[in-house]
């Protein structure tokens, strides 16, 4: 079993949305026992966690999902946060097209809504990462309040306290850094719920991209600063890190091939029911895409 930075502590993974959470989640879930894990798939589950008896919250070693900096105030154990970032423009565009796909599944129609309108109707979109990192007293406060004038400085202060700040663009390197920081040992993954179209940015006009960039400027500044720190840390890794990285990639390649070959089984109602009962940390595919 993993050894956290605090022997009696809890790890809190801030899943900031569209940042490979479905792929990373199962890796993390394997590091703890069933009653030590709490996975948050939708905002209201933050309130459900807070409402749990203290005896339940005291057992937790890992809280992961769509949560916020500040949830630790409701956990009896010392808390350590970590997260995975993604370039804000790519994240916003991914969320934009995901909203279309989800609306279609629900029988709604949003295809005629330009990204500018989507952002105006959903103010959280261009600040989702930075808002959750700054945090607050409730997830609803975090999602509804506008950013303060010193938002970037506050976010930097938060991130400096995180032992690992990974990046979707460096997924393998980030996962290995997490494993080494938290004592996870040998890790293997299969890419899950990947968006079907990797050329989404090319579908957005130059004018619309400029609008998105302006809307996400504080988050872009935070991201650029954090990524420079990560890349500097990556350069300082010893030679063994690269060997471990290649080994993890090879294991994951083999496991991913097997995972894809059994996709038909995971799409059956019986399998989904089984997973919901016996693996409560599992994220149903319809709830998240990278």
Foldseek 3Di string as FASTA:
>chain_A
DWQAPDNQAAEEEAELAPQLCQFVLVQVLVQDDQLQEAEDLDQCVLVVLLPDPLVSLSSHRYYYYNAAPASCVSHPGHYAYEYEAEQLLVRLLVVVVLVQVLCVVVVHHDVVPDSLNVCVVQVCSLPSVLLRLLGDNGVVCSRPDDADPCSLVSSVVSNVRHQAYHYSVPVLLRSLSVCVNTVVPQTATARPQADPDPCSVVVHDPVVSVVSCVSNVSVNVNVVVVVVVVVVVVVVDDPVSVVSSVVRVVRRVVVNVVVVVCVVVCPDPVNVVVCVVPPVSNDPSSSGHD
